[in-house]
Amino acid sequence: MKRVLIVFDSKFGNTEQLAREIGTGIQATGAAEVSVINIKMVGDQDLSNFDAALFGAPIHAFRATSGIKGAVKKAAKMGLDGKLVAAFDTYQAPGHKGKAAGQIRDLLMKKAKGAKFFSEDLTSLVDGYEGPLNEAEPAKAREFGQRFAQELGE
């Protein structure tokens, strides 16, 4: 069975919830086992045990968080070549939609050139500064996870 690592940075728990919903979607397909971890745990992982990795964070000060950037760099050094990778983020202001995910993807493209890139990123709306996730977002995250699992299995 394939294995997927989902790495998140989260300030108020919204991005963590999103990561867990993506994982639920992947596991629902039966195609892969999922491990969901905080950025602080990246160094404890043996990436050779995983077939894919997703990285996500909230938008903070118009950027992906420094924590997720560090986690991506560390993971890339540990080995993402040949693995399917993707990015996800949470945002609250319309002008921020997808910015963190785009920056995470750009960093992955720069630091993990041998990785395979999933065809899409996920960006999810948070209602208010501290959340919660917009009510439509958990279902979207699970569907995203299912599409990711399908591409991983191909």
N, C-alpha and C. Protein backbone atom coordinates (compact mmCIF):
# COMPACT_ATOMS: atom_id res chain seq x y z
N MET A 1 0.85 -1.18 0.00
CA MET A 1 0.00 0.00 0.00
C MET A 1 0.89 1.24 0.00
N LYS A 2 0.46 2.25 -0.72
CA LYS A 2 1.20 3.51 -0.78
C LYS A 2 1.05 4.27 0.53
N ARG A 3 2.01 5.17 0.77
CA ARG A 3 1.99 5.98 1.99
C ARG A 3 2.12 7.45 1.63
N VAL A 4 1.32 8.28 2.29
CA VAL A 4 1.29 9.73 2.04
C VAL A 4 1.59 10.46 3.34
N LEU A 5 2.46 11.46 3.25
CA LEU A 5 2.78 12.34 4.37
C LEU A 5 2.13 13.69 4.12
N ILE A 6 1.37 14.18 5.09
CA ILE A 6 0.77 15.51 5.00
C ILE A 6 1.38 16.35 6.11
N VAL A 7 2.04 17.44 5.72
CA VAL A 7 2.73 18.33 6.65
C VAL A 7 1.99 19.66 6.69
N PHE A 8 1.69 20.13 7.90
CA PHE A 8 0.96 21.40 8.01
C PHE A 8 1.60 22.32 9.02
N ASP A 9 1.36 23.61 8.83
CA ASP A 9 1.63 24.64 9.83
C ASP A 9 0.27 25.28 10.09
N SER A 10 -0.07 25.51 11.34
CA SER A 10 -1.39 26.03 11.65
C SER A 10 -1.32 26.89 12.90
N LYS A 11 -1.93 28.06 12.84
CA LYS A 11 -1.93 28.94 14.00
C LYS A 11 -3.18 28.75 14.86
N PHE A 12 -4.34 28.67 14.23
CA PHE A 12 -5.60 28.55 14.96
C PHE A 12 -6.28 27.20 14.78
N GLY A 13 -5.61 26.26 14.09
CA GLY A 13 -6.16 24.92 13.91
C GLY A 13 -6.89 24.70 12.60
N ASN A 14 -7.11 25.75 11.82
CA ASN A 14 -7.86 25.61 10.58
C ASN A 14 -7.08 24.82 9.52
N THR A 15 -5.80 25.11 9.38
CA THR A 15 -5.00 24.41 8.38
C THR A 15 -4.77 22.96 8.82
N GLU A 16 -4.66 22.74 10.12
CA GLU A 16 -4.56 21.36 10.61
C GLU A 16 -5.83 20.60 10.28
N GLN A 17 -6.98 21.20 10.49
CA GLN A 17 -8.25 20.55 10.16
C GLN A 17 -8.29 20.23 8.67
N LEU A 18 -7.85 21.18 7.85
CA LEU A 18 -7.83 20.96 6.40
C LEU A 18 -6.92 19.78 6.06
N ALA A 19 -5.75 19.71 6.66
CA ALA A 19 -4.82 18.60 6.42
C ALA A 19 -5.48 17.27 6.77
N ARG A 20 -6.16 17.23 7.88
CA ARG A 20 -6.81 15.99 8.32
C ARG A 20 -7.96 15.60 7.39
N GLU A 21 -8.69 16.59 6.87
CA GLU A 21 -9.77 16.31 5.91
C GLU A 21 -9.20 15.76 4.60
N ILE A 22 -8.09 16.33 4.14
CA ILE A 22 -7.42 15.81 2.94
C ILE A 22 -7.04 14.35 3.18
N GLY A 23 -6.45 14.10 4.35
CA GLY A 23 -6.06 12.73 4.70
C GLY A 23 -7.24 11.77 4.72
N THR A 24 -8.37 12.23 5.25
CA THR A 24 -9.58 11.41 5.26
C THR A 24 -10.00 11.06 3.85
N GLY A 25 -9.92 12.03 2.95
CA GLY A 25 -10.27 11.79 1.55
C GLY A 25 -9.34 10.77 0.90
N ILE A 26 -8.06 10.87 1.18
CA ILE A 26 -7.09 9.91 0.63
C ILE A 26 -7.38 8.52 1.16
N GLN A 27 -7.55 8.40 2.47
CA GLN A 27 -7.79 7.09 3.08
C GLN A 27 -9.10 6.47 2.63
N ALA A 28 -10.09 7.29 2.33
CA ALA A 28 -11.39 6.77 1.90
C ALA A 28 -11.28 5.99 0.59
N THR A 29 -10.26 6.27 -0.20
CA THR A 29 -10.09 5.56 -1.47
C THR A 29 -9.49 4.17 -1.27
N GLY A 30 -8.88 3.94 -0.11
CA GLY A 30 -8.21 2.67 0.13
C GLY A 30 -6.88 2.54 -0.60
N ALA A 31 -6.45 3.61 -1.24
CA ALA A 31 -5.22 3.57 -2.04
C ALA A 31 -3.95 3.83 -1.24
N ALA A 32 -4.09 4.44 -0.06
CA ALA A 32 -2.89 4.81 0.67
C ALA A 32 -3.17 4.98 2.16
N GLU A 33 -2.12 4.78 2.94
CA GLU A 33 -2.13 5.13 4.35
C GLU A 33 -1.63 6.56 4.46
N VAL A 34 -2.10 7.28 5.46
CA VAL A 34 -1.77 8.70 5.60
C VAL A 34 -1.20 8.99 6.98
N SER A 35 -0.16 9.80 7.01
CA SER A 35 0.37 10.35 8.25
C SER A 35 0.26 11.87 8.16
N VAL A 36 -0.39 12.48 9.14
CA VAL A 36 -0.56 13.94 9.18
C VAL A 36 0.29 14.46 10.33
N ILE A 37 1.23 15.36 10.00
CA ILE A 37 2.15 15.85 11.03
C ILE A 37 2.30 17.37 10.99
N ASN A 38 2.65 17.91 12.13
CA ASN A 38 3.00 19.32 12.25
C ASN A 38 4.40 19.53 11.68
N ILE A 39 4.69 20.74 11.22
CA ILE A 39 5.99 21.05 10.62
C ILE A 39 7.16 20.67 11.52
N LYS A 40 6.96 20.75 12.83
CA LYS A 40 8.05 20.47 13.77
C LYS A 40 8.50 19.01 13.73
N MET A 41 7.70 18.15 13.14
CA MET A 41 8.00 16.71 13.13
C MET A 41 8.65 16.24 11.82
N VAL A 42 8.86 17.14 10.87
CA VAL A 42 9.41 16.73 9.57
C VAL A 42 10.76 16.04 9.72
N GLY A 43 11.63 16.57 10.56
CA GLY A 43 12.95 15.99 10.73
C GLY A 43 12.95 14.59 11.32
N ASP A 44 11.83 14.20 11.94
CA ASP A 44 11.71 12.87 12.54
C ASP A 44 11.25 11.81 11.55
N GLN A 45 10.95 12.21 10.33
CA GLN A 45 10.38 11.29 9.35
C GLN A 45 11.46 10.69 8.45
N ASP A 46 11.25 9.46 8.05
CA ASP A 46 12.08 8.82 7.04
C ASP A 46 11.29 8.91 5.74
N LEU A 47 11.60 9.89 4.93
CA LEU A 47 10.81 10.13 3.72
C LEU A 47 10.89 8.99 2.71
N SER A 48 11.88 8.13 2.86
CA SER A 48 11.94 6.99 1.94
C SER A 48 10.75 6.05 2.14
N ASN A 49 10.06 6.18 3.27
CA ASN A 49 8.88 5.35 3.55
C ASN A 49 7.61 5.89 2.92
N PHE A 50 7.69 7.04 2.26
CA PHE A 50 6.49 7.68 1.70
C PHE A 50 6.57 7.78 0.18
N ASP A 51 5.41 7.69 -0.45
CA ASP A 51 5.30 7.80 -1.90
C ASP A 51 4.88 9.20 -2.33
N ALA A 52 4.37 9.98 -1.38
CA ALA A 52 3.84 11.31 -1.71
C ALA A 52 3.88 12.19 -0.47
N ALA A 53 3.86 13.51 -0.71
CA ALA A 53 3.84 14.47 0.39
C ALA A 53 3.05 15.70 -0.01
N LEU A 54 2.27 16.19 0.93
CA LEU A 54 1.53 17.44 0.74
C LEU A 54 1.97 18.40 1.84
N PHE A 55 2.05 19.67 1.49
CA PHE A 55 2.50 20.70 2.42
C PHE A 55 1.49 21.83 2.44
N GLY A 56 1.10 22.27 3.65
CA GLY A 56 0.11 23.33 3.73
C GLY A 56 0.31 24.26 4.90
N ALA A 57 -0.17 25.49 4.70
CA ALA A 57 -0.05 26.53 5.73
C ALA A 57 -1.07 27.62 5.46
N PRO A 58 -1.34 28.42 6.47
CA PRO A 58 -2.17 29.60 6.24
C PRO A 58 -1.34 30.70 5.60
N ILE A 59 -2.02 31.65 5.00
CA ILE A 59 -1.34 32.85 4.52
C ILE A 59 -1.08 33.71 5.75
N HIS A 60 0.13 34.21 5.89
CA HIS A 60 0.50 35.04 7.04
C HIS A 60 1.35 36.19 6.53
N ALA A 61 0.88 37.41 6.78
CA ALA A 61 1.60 38.61 6.31
C ALA A 61 1.86 38.52 4.80
N PHE A 62 0.83 38.10 4.06
CA PHE A 62 0.86 38.01 2.60
C PHE A 62 1.79 36.91 2.07
N ARG A 63 2.23 35.99 2.93
CA ARG A 63 3.16 34.95 2.53
C ARG A 63 2.79 33.61 3.18
N ALA A 64 3.34 32.55 2.59
CA ALA A 64 3.30 31.26 3.27
C ALA A 64 4.15 31.42 4.52
N THR A 65 3.82 30.72 5.57
CA THR A 65 4.55 30.88 6.83
C THR A 65 6.01 30.45 6.68
N SER A 66 6.86 31.06 7.49
CA SER A 66 8.28 30.68 7.46
C SER A 66 8.43 29.22 7.91
N GLY A 67 7.55 28.77 8.80
CA GLY A 67 7.63 27.39 9.27
C GLY A 67 7.42 26.38 8.15
N ILE A 68 6.44 26.59 7.29
CA ILE A 68 6.21 25.63 6.21
C ILE A 68 7.33 25.73 5.18
N LYS A 69 7.85 26.92 4.97
CA LYS A 69 8.98 27.05 4.04
C LYS A 69 10.17 26.24 4.54
N GLY A 70 10.44 26.34 5.83
CA GLY A 70 11.54 25.56 6.40
C GLY A 70 11.29 24.07 6.30
N ALA A 71 10.05 23.65 6.52
CA ALA A 71 9.71 22.24 6.43
C ALA A 71 9.87 21.72 5.01
N VAL A 72 9.48 22.52 4.02
CA VAL A 72 9.64 22.12 2.61
C VAL A 72 11.12 21.97 2.29
N LYS A 73 11.93 22.93 2.72
CA LYS A 73 13.37 22.86 2.44
C LYS A 73 14.00 21.63 3.09
N LYS A 74 13.61 21.36 4.33
CA LYS A 74 14.15 20.20 5.05
C LYS A 74 13.72 18.91 4.35
N ALA A 75 12.45 18.81 3.98
CA ALA A 75 11.95 17.61 3.30
C ALA A 75 12.64 17.42 1.95
N ALA A 76 12.86 18.51 1.24
CA ALA A 76 13.52 18.42 -0.07
C ALA A 76 14.94 17.88 0.09
N LYS A 77 15.64 18.30 1.12
CA LYS A 77 16.99 17.80 1.37
C LYS A 77 16.96 16.33 1.75
N MET A 78 15.90 15.91 2.44
CA MET A 78 15.76 14.53 2.88
C MET A 78 15.36 13.61 1.73
N GLY A 79 14.77 14.18 0.68
CA GLY A 79 14.45 13.38 -0.49
C GLY A 79 12.99 13.36 -0.90
N LEU A 80 12.64 14.18 -1.88
CA LEU A 80 11.30 14.17 -2.45
C LEU A 80 11.31 13.70 -3.91
N ASP A 81 12.49 13.36 -4.42
CA ASP A 81 12.59 12.93 -5.81
C ASP A 81 11.67 11.74 -6.08
N GLY A 82 10.92 11.82 -7.16
CA GLY A 82 10.03 10.75 -7.57
C GLY A 82 8.72 10.68 -6.82
N LYS A 83 8.57 11.50 -5.79
CA LYS A 83 7.34 11.49 -4.99
C LYS A 83 6.33 12.49 -5.57
N LEU A 84 5.06 12.15 -5.47
CA LEU A 84 4.00 13.07 -5.86
C LEU A 84 3.84 14.10 -4.76
N VAL A 85 3.89 15.38 -5.10
CA VAL A 85 3.77 16.45 -4.10
C VAL A 85 2.68 17.43 -4.49
N ALA A 86 2.14 18.11 -3.47
CA ALA A 86 1.11 19.12 -3.69
C ALA A 86 1.16 20.11 -2.54
N ALA A 87 0.46 21.22 -2.73
CA ALA A 87 0.40 22.28 -1.72
C ALA A 87 -1.06 22.61 -1.41
N PHE A 88 -1.28 23.12 -0.20
CA PHE A 88 -2.62 23.59 0.19
C PHE A 88 -2.46 24.74 1.15
N ASP A 89 -3.52 25.56 1.24
CA ASP A 89 -3.47 26.69 2.17
C ASP A 89 -4.85 27.07 2.65
N THR A 90 -4.87 27.95 3.65
CA THR A 90 -6.09 28.58 4.11
C THR A 90 -5.91 30.08 4.00
N TYR A 91 -7.03 30.77 3.75
CA TYR A 91 -7.00 32.22 3.60
C TYR A 91 -8.31 32.79 4.12
N GLN A 92 -8.33 34.09 4.40
CA GLN A 92 -9.58 34.72 4.82
C GLN A 92 -9.98 35.87 3.93
N ALA A 93 -9.03 36.54 3.31
CA ALA A 93 -9.34 37.68 2.44
C ALA A 93 -9.28 37.24 0.98
N PRO A 94 -10.25 37.65 0.15
CA PRO A 94 -10.28 37.20 -1.25
C PRO A 94 -8.97 37.42 -2.01
N GLY A 95 -8.27 38.49 -1.72
CA GLY A 95 -7.01 38.78 -2.40
C GLY A 95 -5.88 37.83 -2.02
N HIS A 96 -6.09 37.04 -0.98
CA HIS A 96 -5.04 36.11 -0.51
C HIS A 96 -5.25 34.69 -1.02
N LYS A 97 -6.36 34.46 -1.70
CA LYS A 97 -6.73 33.11 -2.14
C LYS A 97 -5.59 32.47 -2.95
N GLY A 98 -5.09 31.37 -2.47
CA GLY A 98 -4.09 30.60 -3.19
C GLY A 98 -2.66 31.10 -3.10
N LYS A 99 -2.44 32.23 -2.44
CA LYS A 99 -1.09 32.80 -2.41
C LYS A 99 -0.10 31.90 -1.68
N ALA A 100 -0.46 31.41 -0.50
CA ALA A 100 0.47 30.55 0.24
C ALA A 100 0.71 29.24 -0.52
N ALA A 101 -0.34 28.64 -1.04
CA ALA A 101 -0.18 27.39 -1.79
C ALA A 101 0.73 27.61 -3.01
N GLY A 102 0.54 28.74 -3.68
CA GLY A 102 1.39 29.05 -4.83
C GLY A 102 2.85 29.21 -4.42
N GLN A 103 3.09 29.86 -3.30
CA GLN A 103 4.46 30.03 -2.82
C GLN A 103 5.07 28.70 -2.38
N ILE A 104 4.27 27.84 -1.77
CA ILE A 104 4.75 26.51 -1.38
C ILE A 104 5.10 25.72 -2.64
N ARG A 105 4.23 25.75 -3.63
CA ARG A 105 4.50 25.04 -4.89
C ARG A 105 5.77 25.57 -5.55
N ASP A 106 5.92 26.89 -5.59
CA ASP A 106 7.12 27.48 -6.18
C ASP A 106 8.38 27.00 -5.47
N LEU A 107 8.33 26.96 -4.15
CA LEU A 107 9.48 26.50 -3.38
C LEU A 107 9.75 25.01 -3.64
N LEU A 108 8.70 24.22 -3.71
CA LEU A 108 8.87 22.80 -4.04
C LEU A 108 9.51 22.65 -5.42
N MET A 109 9.08 23.44 -6.38
CA MET A 109 9.63 23.35 -7.74
C MET A 109 11.11 23.72 -7.75
N LYS A 110 11.48 24.63 -6.89
CA LYS A 110 12.88 25.09 -6.81
C LYS A 110 13.76 24.09 -6.04
N LYS A 111 13.24 23.57 -4.94
CA LYS A 111 14.06 22.74 -4.04
C LYS A 111 13.92 21.24 -4.28
N ALA A 112 12.82 20.83 -4.89
CA ALA A 112 12.57 19.40 -5.11
C ALA A 112 12.32 19.15 -6.60
N LYS A 113 13.32 19.42 -7.39
CA LYS A 113 13.16 19.37 -8.85
C LYS A 113 12.81 17.98 -9.37
N GLY A 114 13.17 16.94 -8.62
CA GLY A 114 12.88 15.58 -9.06
C GLY A 114 11.52 15.06 -8.62
N ALA A 115 10.75 15.90 -7.95
CA ALA A 115 9.42 15.49 -7.50
C ALA A 115 8.43 15.53 -8.67
N LYS A 116 7.33 14.80 -8.52
CA LYS A 116 6.22 14.86 -9.48
C LYS A 116 5.17 15.76 -8.86
N PHE A 117 4.66 16.69 -9.63
CA PHE A 117 3.73 17.67 -9.09
C PHE A 117 2.29 17.33 -9.43
N PHE A 118 1.46 17.29 -8.38
CA PHE A 118 0.04 17.06 -8.57
C PHE A 118 -0.51 18.20 -9.40
N SER A 119 -1.53 17.93 -10.18
CA SER A 119 -2.05 18.89 -11.15
C SER A 119 -2.74 20.10 -10.54
N GLU A 120 -3.01 20.08 -9.23
CA GLU A 120 -3.72 21.20 -8.63
C GLU A 120 -3.27 21.41 -7.19
N ASP A 121 -3.57 22.58 -6.67
CA ASP A 121 -3.38 22.90 -5.26
C ASP A 121 -4.77 23.10 -4.66
N LEU A 122 -4.85 23.11 -3.35
CA LEU A 122 -6.11 23.36 -2.66
C LEU A 122 -5.98 24.64 -1.84
N THR A 123 -6.94 25.51 -1.97
CA THR A 123 -6.97 26.73 -1.17
C THR A 123 -8.36 26.82 -0.55
N SER A 124 -8.40 27.05 0.76
CA SER A 124 -9.66 26.97 1.49
C SER A 124 -9.93 28.20 2.33
N LEU A 125 -11.17 28.64 2.30
CA LEU A 125 -11.61 29.85 2.98
C LEU A 125 -11.83 29.61 4.47
N VAL A 126 -11.32 30.55 5.27
CA VAL A 126 -11.54 30.57 6.71
C VAL A 126 -12.48 31.75 6.98
N ASP A 127 -13.52 31.51 7.74
CA ASP A 127 -14.46 32.57 8.11
C ASP A 127 -13.92 33.31 9.33
N GLY A 128 -13.55 34.56 9.16
CA GLY A 128 -13.02 35.35 10.26
C GLY A 128 -11.53 35.12 10.45
N TYR A 129 -10.93 35.94 11.29
CA TYR A 129 -9.49 35.89 11.49
C TYR A 129 -9.03 34.56 12.07
N GLU A 130 -9.74 34.05 13.07
CA GLU A 130 -9.33 32.81 13.73
C GLU A 130 -10.09 31.58 13.23
N GLY A 131 -11.02 31.78 12.33
CA GLY A 131 -11.77 30.65 11.82
C GLY A 131 -13.18 30.64 12.35
N PRO A 132 -13.87 29.61 12.08
CA PRO A 132 -13.49 28.29 11.59
C PRO A 132 -13.37 28.25 10.07
N LEU A 133 -13.02 27.05 9.56
CA LEU A 133 -13.08 26.85 8.12
C LEU A 133 -14.51 27.11 7.66
N ASN A 134 -14.65 27.68 6.50
CA ASN A 134 -15.97 27.84 5.90
C ASN A 134 -16.61 26.46 5.80
N GLU A 135 -17.90 26.38 6.02
CA GLU A 135 -18.59 25.08 6.08
C GLU A 135 -18.45 24.23 4.82
N ALA A 136 -18.20 24.84 3.67
CA ALA A 136 -18.06 24.08 2.43
C ALA A 136 -16.67 23.45 2.28
N GLU A 137 -15.70 23.91 3.03
CA GLU A 137 -14.31 23.52 2.80
C GLU A 137 -13.95 22.09 3.19
N PRO A 138 -14.44 21.53 4.29
CA PRO A 138 -14.07 20.14 4.60
C PRO A 138 -14.42 19.15 3.48
N ALA A 139 -15.59 19.28 2.90
CA ALA A 139 -15.98 18.38 1.81
C ALA A 139 -15.07 18.58 0.60
N LYS A 140 -14.72 19.83 0.30
CA LYS A 140 -13.80 20.10 -0.82
C LYS A 140 -12.44 19.46 -0.56
N ALA A 141 -11.99 19.52 0.69
CA ALA A 141 -10.69 18.95 1.05
C ALA A 141 -10.70 17.43 0.88
N ARG A 142 -11.78 16.78 1.29
CA ARG A 142 -11.88 15.33 1.13
C ARG A 142 -11.88 14.94 -0.35
N GLU A 143 -12.59 15.72 -1.17
CA GLU A 143 -12.61 15.46 -2.62
C GLU A 143 -11.23 15.67 -3.22
N PHE A 144 -10.53 16.69 -2.77
CA PHE A 144 -9.15 16.94 -3.21
C PHE A 144 -8.28 15.73 -2.86
N GLY A 145 -8.42 15.24 -1.64
CA GLY A 145 -7.66 14.07 -1.21
C GLY A 145 -7.95 12.86 -2.08
N GLN A 146 -9.19 12.66 -2.46
CA GLN A 146 -9.56 11.54 -3.32
C GLN A 146 -8.91 11.67 -4.70
N ARG A 147 -8.91 12.89 -5.26
CA ARG A 147 -8.26 13.11 -6.56
C ARG A 147 -6.76 12.89 -6.46
N PHE A 148 -6.17 13.33 -5.36
CA PHE A 148 -4.73 13.13 -5.14
C PHE A 148 -4.42 11.62 -5.09
N ALA A 149 -5.22 10.86 -4.35
CA ALA A 149 -5.03 9.43 -4.23
C ALA A 149 -5.17 8.74 -5.59
N GLN A 150 -6.11 9.21 -6.38
CA GLN A 150 -6.31 8.63 -7.71
C GLN A 150 -5.06 8.84 -8.57
N GLU A 151 -4.52 10.06 -8.56
CA GLU A 151 -3.32 10.31 -9.36
C GLU A 151 -2.12 9.53 -8.80
N LEU A 152 -2.05 9.38 -7.51
CA LEU A 152 -0.97 8.61 -6.89
C LEU A 152 -1.02 7.17 -7.33
N GLY A 153 -2.21 6.64 -7.49
CA GLY A 153 -2.38 5.24 -7.88
C GLY A 153 -2.15 4.97 -9.35
N GLU A 154 -2.07 6.01 -10.16
CA GLU A 154 -1.92 5.82 -11.62
C GLU A 154 -0.49 5.46 -11.99
